[in-house]
């Protein structure tokens, strides 16, 4: 019986061929798509983020360069800039919806008032609300201070039964003090300053008669009692004409205030100009617990450019003042700030020590000169708009020179204007420990600073 044999791959219906053809067609489509994508990626320019590359870069430019050595001025400026940035980052921010007056305040401490040191000068710091760096400095340097004088009270334009004073407490600062160092004495400053403008006419109306003076004293007493503060520091400036009559009314006010506060055990300080002959310093000193000499602003924003507190100007005026003042009731206020005068401008811009150094660095100032005559640092520079600038400031070196000169008179204390504006290195010589006589004469920092100093002056 014969067997019919057929080929293994014989497919008379053609089904196998149709399947093979579809498979190869699919592979061909895939290969074509991949090839098209590859070609497109080669030919089309990709979208990349822009890079700030220098044009015309040559191979020689890729060689390693020698490191640039910064000058001492640049190093100090960069350090100041970093410290200023760190301070700003650590500063508490208030929510937009929450005003300072609406924030809860830590209750006043239930501890006895601090004892006034007898073996060293009192260390006092001025605090302001309008500069965030002031809070940062307060937080860092609270341990260096005995008293805080915050800028929290001003005379108020009022009518009828309104209070004669306006109050602008800073709850974060007040809470920081009461939670961290409740023993610090808080003595708010009272000024005739509103919106950065001195108000001489408002001052005259507030102290011109006995009824106005009594009303102002009563408002201040209620404010101190309510907040359990240590007293007040009166800073009334730009006394108008007729000056003798207005100064006499100011003296009557200080006498009334001192008598009222003395009964309550509260401190009365008065900040007075350093060298104005119309002021009867001896009588004003008798009308307060402490007279604070503002030993700065020899040249100020509305005056020609010059030293903020020349050493000879400081020493000569200090000798004059101390001839009639009791050192135990005298506080010497020193500055740590500066002014940037622009040629042709009516007023100068006030700058902090850090800002002065940063500006010098950014303006490529070759050297900050320590003026041998005034012993104040200064420099000048030109802006791109061709304006010429003259910068004078006072820093830790000038502060040391002044404190060393004043130490011969043994004043009751030193006050620093202001927290947030100071040269950070001042804290090596300012504070309860640094202000002790032993510290002033033996600390390494002070010994280095004596290169710029002369022997202390004082009574024979």
Protein backbone atom coordinates (compact mmCIF):
# COMPACT_ATOMS: atom_id res chain seq x y z
CA UNK A 1 0.00 0.00 0.00
CA UNK A 2 1.52 3.25 -1.09
CA UNK A 3 1.79 6.18 1.42
CA UNK A 4 1.45 9.73 0.12
CA UNK A 5 4.11 12.02 1.70
CA UNK A 6 3.74 15.83 1.82
CA UNK A 7 6.48 18.45 2.61
CA UNK A 8 6.72 19.44 6.25
CA UNK A 9 6.31 23.22 5.49
CA UNK A 10 3.71 22.75 2.82
CA UNK A 11 0.84 25.22 3.47
CA UNK A 12 -1.66 25.12 0.59
CA UNK A 13 -3.95 27.68 2.41
CA UNK A 14 -1.13 30.24 2.90
CA UNK A 15 -1.94 30.88 6.58
CA UNK A 16 1.68 30.60 7.76
CA UNK A 17 2.90 33.16 5.23
CA UNK A 18 0.27 35.68 6.32
CA UNK A 19 1.40 35.38 9.94
CA UNK A 20 5.10 35.77 9.02
CA UNK A 21 4.36 38.75 6.83
CA UNK A 22 2.44 40.53 9.64
CA UNK A 23 5.28 39.86 12.09
CA UNK A 24 7.93 41.28 9.80
CA UNK A 25 5.74 44.27 9.04
CA UNK A 26 5.38 45.06 12.75
CA UNK A 27 9.14 44.71 13.26
CA UNK A 28 9.78 46.99 10.29
CA UNK A 29 7.48 49.66 11.77
CA UNK A 30 9.20 49.48 15.17
CA UNK A 31 12.69 49.66 13.66
CA UNK A 32 11.67 52.59 11.46
CA UNK A 33 10.19 54.47 14.48
CA UNK A 34 13.29 53.94 16.60
CA UNK A 35 15.52 55.07 13.74
CA UNK A 36 13.39 58.20 13.22
CA UNK A 37 13.59 59.11 16.94
CA UNK A 38 17.36 58.62 16.93
CA UNK A 39 17.84 60.80 13.84
CA UNK A 40 15.56 63.50 15.31
CA UNK A 41 17.51 63.54 18.59
CA UNK A 42 20.72 64.13 16.66
CA UNK A 43 19.38 66.84 14.37
CA UNK A 44 17.04 68.79 16.69
CA UNK A 45 18.64 71.26 19.22
CA UNK A 46 17.58 70.31 22.76
CA UNK A 47 16.09 72.88 25.16
CA UNK A 48 18.54 73.39 28.03
CA UNK A 49 18.54 75.97 30.90
CA UNK A 50 20.71 79.02 30.14
CA UNK A 51 24.23 79.12 31.58
CA UNK A 52 26.15 82.28 32.32
CA UNK A 53 29.26 81.30 30.39
CA UNK A 54 31.84 83.76 29.24
CA UNK A 55 32.00 84.12 25.45
CA UNK A 56 35.12 83.09 23.68
CA UNK A 57 36.43 80.80 26.38
CA UNK A 58 39.91 79.65 25.45
CA UNK A 59 41.69 76.51 26.59
CA UNK A 60 44.09 78.71 28.53
CA UNK A 61 41.16 79.98 30.57
CA UNK A 62 40.49 76.48 31.83
CA UNK A 63 43.82 76.28 33.59
CA UNK A 64 43.59 76.52 37.41
CA UNK A 65 43.97 80.11 38.64
CA UNK A 66 45.84 81.25 41.71
CA UNK A 67 43.48 81.93 44.63
CA UNK A 68 42.68 85.60 45.20
CA UNK A 69 43.86 86.74 48.62
CA UNK A 70 41.35 89.08 50.26
CA UNK A 71 42.54 92.17 52.06
CA UNK A 72 41.72 92.64 55.77
CA UNK A 73 39.04 95.13 54.74
CA UNK A 74 37.40 92.58 52.42
CA UNK A 75 37.59 89.84 55.04
CA UNK A 76 36.02 92.04 57.70
CA UNK A 77 33.30 93.18 55.32
CA UNK A 78 32.45 89.63 54.27
CA UNK A 79 32.36 88.54 57.89
CA UNK A 80 30.05 91.41 58.74
CA UNK A 81 27.79 90.55 55.80
CA UNK A 82 27.55 86.90 56.90
CA UNK A 83 26.80 87.89 60.50
CA UNK A 84 24.15 90.35 59.33
CA UNK A 85 22.52 87.64 57.17
CA UNK A 86 22.58 85.09 59.99
CA UNK A 87 21.09 87.61 62.40
CA UNK A 88 18.31 88.40 59.95
CA UNK A 89 17.52 84.69 59.46
CA UNK A 90 17.25 84.13 63.21
CA UNK A 91 15.07 87.17 63.83
CA UNK A 92 11.50 86.48 64.80
CA UNK A 93 8.93 87.59 62.25
CA UNK A 94 5.45 88.73 63.26
CA UNK A 95 2.51 87.42 61.22
CA UNK A 96 0.99 90.05 58.96
CA UNK A 97 -2.36 89.64 60.67
CA UNK A 98 -0.99 90.09 64.17
CA UNK A 99 0.12 93.55 65.30
CA UNK A 100 2.57 93.90 68.22
CA UNK A 101 -0.12 95.45 70.40
CA UNK A 102 -2.28 92.33 69.92
CA UNK A 103 0.36 89.80 70.95
CA UNK A 104 0.35 88.33 74.47
CA UNK A 105 3.11 89.58 76.75
CA UNK A 106 4.88 87.58 79.42
CA UNK A 107 3.86 88.89 82.88
CA UNK A 108 6.49 90.94 84.71
CA UNK A 109 8.81 88.95 86.97
CA UNK A 110 7.91 88.55 90.62
CA UNK A 111 11.48 89.11 91.79
CA UNK A 112 13.10 92.06 93.58
CA UNK A 113 14.51 94.83 91.37
CA UNK A 114 18.14 94.28 90.38
CA UNK A 115 20.88 95.65 92.56
CA UNK A 116 22.90 98.42 90.92
CA UNK A 117 26.54 97.26 90.68
CA UNK A 118 28.97 99.24 92.81
CA UNK A 119 32.31 97.78 91.68
CA UNK A 120 31.91 98.33 87.94
CA UNK A 121 30.05 100.56 85.48
CA UNK A 122 26.47 99.72 84.52
CA UNK A 123 26.22 98.28 80.99
CA UNK A 124 23.24 99.73 79.11
CA UNK A 125 21.98 99.00 75.59
CA UNK A 126 19.53 101.04 73.51
CA UNK A 127 16.91 98.94 71.73
CA UNK A 128 14.75 100.00 68.77
CA UNK A 129 11.69 98.39 67.17
CA UNK A 130 12.21 99.47 63.57
CA UNK A 131 15.38 97.47 62.81
CA UNK A 132 15.17 93.66 62.92
CA UNK A 133 18.90 93.43 63.59
CA UNK A 134 18.29 95.19 66.93
CA UNK A 135 16.28 92.20 68.13
CA UNK A 136 18.94 89.80 66.85
CA UNK A 137 21.64 91.72 68.72
CA UNK A 138 19.51 91.84 71.88
CA UNK A 139 19.08 88.07 71.73
CA UNK A 140 22.79 87.41 71.21
CA UNK A 141 24.11 89.89 73.75
CA UNK A 142 21.53 89.94 76.53
CA UNK A 143 24.07 88.49 78.96
CA UNK A 144 26.32 91.52 78.42
CA UNK A 145 23.74 94.05 79.62
CA UNK A 146 22.45 95.25 82.98
CA UNK A 147 19.80 97.66 81.71
CA UNK A 148 17.81 97.96 78.48
CA UNK A 149 16.58 101.35 77.24
CA UNK A 150 13.99 100.56 74.54
CA UNK A 151 12.55 103.23 72.24
CA UNK A 152 8.93 102.56 73.24
CA UNK A 153 7.31 105.85 74.30
CA UNK A 154 6.78 109.19 72.58
CA UNK A 155 4.76 112.33 73.18
CA UNK A 156 1.42 112.23 71.43
CA UNK A 157 -0.58 114.89 69.68
CA UNK A 158 -3.85 114.71 71.56
CA UNK A 159 -7.00 116.57 72.37
CA UNK A 160 -9.46 116.25 75.21
CA UNK A 161 -8.96 113.23 77.44
CA UNK A 162 -6.47 111.39 75.21
CA UNK A 163 -3.23 110.24 76.84
CA UNK A 164 -0.28 112.60 76.33
CA UNK A 165 1.95 109.64 75.48
CA UNK A 166 1.94 107.04 72.73
CA UNK A 167 3.24 103.55 73.55
CA UNK A 168 4.79 101.11 71.06
CA UNK A 169 5.87 98.07 73.05
CA UNK A 170 7.67 95.26 71.22
CA UNK A 171 6.21 92.04 72.71
CA UNK A 172 8.86 89.68 71.25
CA UNK A 173 11.68 91.74 72.80
CA UNK A 174 9.86 92.17 76.10
CA UNK A 175 9.10 88.45 76.29
CA UNK A 176 12.71 87.59 75.46
CA UNK A 177 14.00 89.73 78.33
CA UNK A 178 11.47 88.48 80.86
CA UNK A 179 11.91 84.83 79.93
CA UNK A 180 15.71 84.85 79.55
CA UNK A 181 17.00 87.46 82.00
CA UNK A 182 14.13 88.78 84.13
CA UNK A 183 16.55 90.55 86.46
CA UNK A 184 17.46 93.08 83.75
CA UNK A 185 16.11 96.54 84.45
CA UNK A 186 13.95 97.90 81.61
CA UNK A 187 13.93 101.69 81.46
CA UNK A 188 11.94 102.81 78.37
CA UNK A 189 12.98 105.95 76.53
CA UNK A 190 10.47 108.81 76.23
CA UNK A 191 10.97 111.09 73.20
CA UNK A 192 9.33 113.93 71.31
CA UNK A 193 9.94 111.91 68.14
CA UNK A 194 7.05 110.91 65.86
CA UNK A 195 7.58 109.16 62.51
CA UNK A 196 11.32 109.93 62.58
CA UNK A 197 10.66 113.65 63.03
CA UNK A 198 11.41 115.64 66.17
CA UNK A 199 8.39 117.63 67.37
CA UNK A 200 9.67 120.72 69.25
CA UNK A 201 6.27 122.45 69.31
CA UNK A 202 4.61 119.36 70.78
CA UNK A 203 7.29 119.28 73.45
CA UNK A 204 6.66 122.92 74.36
CA UNK A 205 2.90 122.29 74.74
CA UNK A 206 3.56 119.23 76.91
CA UNK A 207 5.73 121.01 79.50
CA UNK A 208 4.74 124.69 79.23
CA UNK A 209 2.59 124.85 82.37
CA UNK A 210 2.17 122.98 85.62
CA UNK A 211 -1.08 121.27 84.58
CA UNK A 212 0.52 119.87 81.39
CA UNK A 213 3.58 118.69 83.29
CA UNK A 214 1.49 116.96 85.96
CA UNK A 215 -0.61 115.28 83.29
CA UNK A 216 2.49 113.95 81.52
CA UNK A 217 4.03 112.74 84.79
CA UNK A 218 0.81 110.93 85.73
CA UNK A 219 0.68 109.18 82.35
CA UNK A 220 4.29 108.04 82.64
CA UNK A 221 3.74 106.80 86.20
CA UNK A 222 0.71 104.78 85.11
CA UNK A 223 2.69 103.31 82.20
CA UNK A 224 5.62 102.24 84.43
CA UNK A 225 3.30 100.84 87.10
CA UNK A 226 1.21 98.87 84.61
CA UNK A 227 4.23 97.21 82.99
CA UNK A 228 6.40 96.95 86.13
CA UNK A 229 9.32 98.72 84.47
CA UNK A 230 12.29 100.20 86.32
CA UNK A 231 11.66 103.83 85.36
CA UNK A 232 12.03 106.05 82.30
CA UNK A 233 14.78 107.72 80.28
CA UNK A 234 13.76 111.19 79.04
CA UNK A 235 15.18 112.16 75.63
CA UNK A 236 13.65 115.49 74.55
CA UNK A 237 15.61 117.07 71.71
CA UNK A 238 15.61 120.12 69.43
CA UNK A 239 14.45 122.54 72.11
CA UNK A 240 12.99 125.52 70.20
CA UNK A 241 13.30 129.23 70.82
CA UNK A 242 13.08 130.89 73.22
CA UNK A 243 15.48 128.27 74.48
CA UNK A 244 16.12 129.70 77.99
CA UNK A 245 12.38 129.70 78.78
CA UNK A 246 11.77 126.27 77.26
CA UNK A 247 14.80 124.79 79.01
CA UNK A 248 13.49 126.22 82.28
CA UNK A 249 10.13 124.49 81.67
CA UNK A 250 11.95 121.27 80.85
CA UNK A 251 13.85 121.53 84.12
CA UNK A 252 10.59 122.04 86.05
CA UNK A 253 9.18 118.94 84.35
CA UNK A 254 12.24 116.87 85.28
CA UNK A 255 12.02 118.03 88.90
CA UNK A 256 8.32 117.10 89.06
CA UNK A 257 8.95 113.72 87.43
CA UNK A 258 11.90 112.91 89.68
CA UNK A 259 9.98 113.78 92.84
CA UNK A 260 7.05 111.57 91.82
CA UNK A 261 9.17 108.61 90.75
CA UNK A 262 11.50 108.82 93.73
CA UNK A 263 8.59 108.01 96.03
CA UNK A 264 8.01 104.77 94.08
CA UNK A 265 11.65 103.73 93.84
CA UNK A 266 11.70 104.18 90.06
CA UNK A 267 14.75 105.37 88.10
CA UNK A 268 14.74 108.65 86.18
CA UNK A 269 17.44 109.12 83.54
CA UNK A 270 17.80 112.01 81.16
CA UNK A 271 19.74 111.95 77.89
CA UNK A 272 21.35 115.34 77.24
CA UNK A 273 23.58 116.78 74.50
CA UNK A 274 27.32 116.49 75.05
CA UNK A 275 28.35 120.10 74.50
CA UNK A 276 25.62 122.75 74.53
CA UNK A 277 26.42 125.70 76.76
CA UNK A 278 22.76 126.71 77.16
CA UNK A 279 22.08 123.59 79.20
CA UNK A 280 22.56 123.89 82.96
CA UNK A 281 24.02 120.40 83.37
CA UNK A 282 24.38 120.67 87.14
CA UNK A 283 20.72 121.54 87.71
CA UNK A 284 19.48 118.86 85.31
CA UNK A 285 21.69 116.30 87.05
CA UNK A 286 20.06 117.21 90.37
CA UNK A 287 16.63 116.58 88.80
CA UNK A 288 17.37 112.97 87.85
CA UNK A 289 19.01 109.82 89.15
CA UNK A 290 21.39 109.66 86.18
CA UNK A 291 22.38 112.20 83.56
CA UNK A 292 23.31 110.49 80.30
CA UNK A 293 25.84 112.34 78.13
CA UNK A 294 25.25 111.59 74.42
CA UNK A 295 28.91 111.59 73.37
CA UNK A 296 28.42 111.30 69.61
CA UNK A 297 27.05 113.17 66.56
CA UNK A 298 29.91 115.66 66.43
CA UNK A 299 29.01 115.64 62.73
CA UNK A 300 25.49 114.44 61.97
CA UNK A 301 23.15 113.86 59.05
CA UNK A 302 22.28 117.53 58.53
CA UNK A 303 25.86 118.75 58.87
CA UNK A 304 28.97 118.61 56.69
CA UNK A 305 30.81 115.29 56.52
CA UNK A 306 33.27 114.59 59.31
CA UNK A 307 34.09 112.48 62.34
CA UNK A 308 31.19 111.13 64.40
CA UNK A 309 33.09 111.49 67.68
CA UNK A 310 36.71 112.58 67.35
CA UNK A 311 38.83 111.44 70.28
CA UNK A 312 40.02 114.95 71.20
CA UNK A 313 36.44 116.28 70.88
CA UNK A 314 35.27 113.48 73.18
CA UNK A 315 37.98 114.00 75.78
CA UNK A 316 37.78 117.82 75.87
CA UNK A 317 34.01 117.83 76.31
CA UNK A 318 34.15 115.06 78.87
CA UNK A 319 36.64 117.05 80.97
CA UNK A 320 34.34 120.09 80.77
CA UNK A 321 31.23 118.15 81.76
CA UNK A 322 32.85 116.26 84.62
CA UNK A 323 34.01 119.48 86.27
CA UNK A 324 30.40 120.03 87.40
CA UNK A 325 28.90 116.52 87.42
CA UNK A 326 28.99 113.73 89.97
CA UNK A 327 30.56 110.66 88.29
CA UNK A 328 28.33 108.37 90.38
CA UNK A 329 25.28 109.93 88.69
CA UNK A 330 26.73 110.23 85.18
CA UNK A 331 26.38 107.74 82.33
CA UNK A 332 28.48 108.11 79.18
CA UNK A 333 26.62 107.09 76.02
CA UNK A 334 28.90 106.01 73.17
CA UNK A 335 27.93 105.32 69.57
CA UNK A 336 28.57 102.49 67.13
CA UNK A 337 27.21 103.61 63.76
CA UNK A 338 28.08 106.00 60.93
CA UNK A 339 26.89 108.33 58.18
CA UNK A 340 27.20 108.14 54.41
CA UNK A 341 27.33 111.67 53.03
CA UNK A 342 26.62 112.24 49.33
CA UNK A 343 28.11 115.37 47.79
CA UNK A 344 25.31 117.84 47.06
CA UNK A 345 22.69 116.10 49.23
CA UNK A 346 21.06 117.94 52.13
CA UNK A 347 21.27 115.07 54.60
CA UNK A 348 23.39 111.98 55.05
CA UNK A 349 22.21 108.39 55.34
CA UNK A 350 22.75 106.75 58.72
CA UNK A 351 24.51 103.38 58.40
CA UNK A 352 25.35 100.56 60.79
CA UNK A 353 28.93 99.41 61.26
CA UNK A 354 28.19 96.31 59.18
CA UNK A 355 26.65 98.37 56.39
CA UNK A 356 29.68 100.66 56.33
CA UNK A 357 32.00 97.68 55.89
CA UNK A 358 29.79 96.00 53.29
CA UNK A 359 29.57 99.22 51.26
CA UNK A 360 33.35 99.57 51.37
CA UNK A 361 33.73 96.05 50.02
CA UNK A 362 31.10 96.39 47.30
CA UNK A 363 32.52 99.75 46.20
CA UNK A 364 36.01 98.22 45.99
CA UNK A 365 37.47 100.64 48.51
CA UNK A 366 41.16 99.84 48.75
CA UNK A 367 41.58 100.85 52.38
CA UNK A 368 39.47 102.11 55.28
CA UNK A 369 41.60 104.81 56.86
CA UNK A 370 41.83 105.17 60.63
CA UNK A 371 42.17 108.96 60.71
CA UNK A 372 45.18 109.82 62.93
CA UNK A 373 43.70 113.17 64.02
CA UNK A 374 40.16 112.15 64.94
CA UNK A 375 40.79 108.43 65.49
CA UNK A 376 37.60 107.65 63.61
CA UNK A 377 37.56 105.28 60.59
CA UNK A 378 36.44 106.69 57.26
CA UNK A 379 36.64 106.21 53.48
CA UNK A 380 35.18 107.67 50.31
CA UNK A 381 33.94 106.18 47.05
CA UNK A 382 32.20 107.06 43.79
CA UNK A 383 28.95 105.54 42.54
CA UNK A 384 28.26 104.55 38.94
CA UNK A 385 26.17 107.72 38.58
CA UNK A 386 29.35 109.72 39.40
CA UNK A 387 28.11 110.81 42.83
CA UNK A 388 30.84 111.07 45.45
CA UNK A 389 30.32 109.59 48.91
CA UNK A 390 32.11 110.26 52.19
CA UNK A 391 31.63 107.66 54.95
CA UNK A 392 32.58 108.15 58.59
CA UNK A 393 31.71 105.71 61.37
CA UNK A 394 32.68 104.69 64.90
CA UNK A 395 33.35 101.07 65.83
CA UNK A 396 34.80 98.89 68.58
CA UNK A 397 38.20 100.61 68.40
CA UNK A 398 36.73 104.08 68.94
CA UNK A 399 34.46 102.71 71.67
CA UNK A 400 37.43 101.26 73.52
CA UNK A 401 39.39 104.50 73.22
CA UNK A 402 36.45 106.46 74.63
CA UNK A 403 35.73 104.03 77.45
CA UNK A 404 39.37 103.94 78.40
CA UNK A 405 39.53 107.73 78.50
CA UNK A 406 36.31 108.02 80.50
CA UNK A 407 37.31 105.29 82.96
CA UNK A 408 39.59 107.81 84.70
CA UNK A 409 36.46 109.57 85.97
CA UNK A 410 34.73 106.33 87.14
CA UNK A 411 31.30 107.07 85.63
CA UNK A 412 28.24 105.19 86.83
CA UNK A 413 27.91 103.41 83.51
CA UNK A 414 28.28 103.25 79.75
CA UNK A 415 25.38 103.11 77.29
CA UNK A 416 25.66 101.81 73.73
CA UNK A 417 23.74 103.44 70.88
CA UNK A 418 22.52 101.12 69.54
CA UNK A 419 21.83 97.37 69.49
CA UNK A 420 21.86 96.12 65.90
CA UNK A 421 24.15 98.88 64.64
CA UNK A 422 27.25 97.95 66.62
CA UNK A 423 30.56 96.48 65.56
CA UNK A 424 30.21 92.85 66.81
CA UNK A 425 33.71 92.88 68.27
CA UNK A 426 32.64 95.54 70.80
CA UNK A 427 31.23 92.78 73.00
CA UNK A 428 34.75 91.72 73.93
CA UNK A 429 35.06 94.99 75.88
CA UNK A 430 31.45 95.90 76.72
CA UNK A 431 29.40 94.22 79.42
CA UNK A 432 29.40 93.25 83.10
CA UNK A 433 32.65 91.27 82.84
CA UNK A 434 34.37 93.26 80.12
CA UNK A 435 33.68 96.59 81.84
CA UNK A 436 35.42 95.65 85.07
CA UNK A 437 38.69 97.56 85.64
CA UNK A 438 40.70 94.34 85.48
CA UNK A 439 39.13 93.39 82.16
CA UNK A 440 39.76 96.79 80.61
CA UNK A 441 43.47 96.57 81.41
CA UNK A 442 44.26 92.91 80.82
CA UNK A 443 42.07 91.43 78.07
CA UNK A 444 44.02 90.56 74.94
CA UNK A 445 41.62 92.40 72.67
CA UNK A 446 42.00 95.59 74.64
CA UNK A 447 45.77 95.34 74.61
CA UNK A 448 45.70 95.14 70.83
CA UNK A 449 43.39 98.14 70.64
CA UNK A 450 45.76 100.27 72.73
CA UNK A 451 47.74 100.76 69.53
CA UNK A 452 45.12 103.38 68.74
CA UNK A 453 44.78 104.79 72.26
CA UNK A 454 46.34 107.28 74.62
CA UNK A 455 46.53 107.06 78.41
CA UNK A 456 43.24 107.55 80.21
CA UNK A 457 42.40 111.06 81.26
CA UNK A 458 40.84 111.96 84.59
CA UNK A 459 41.02 114.15 87.62
CA UNK A 460 44.34 114.55 89.36
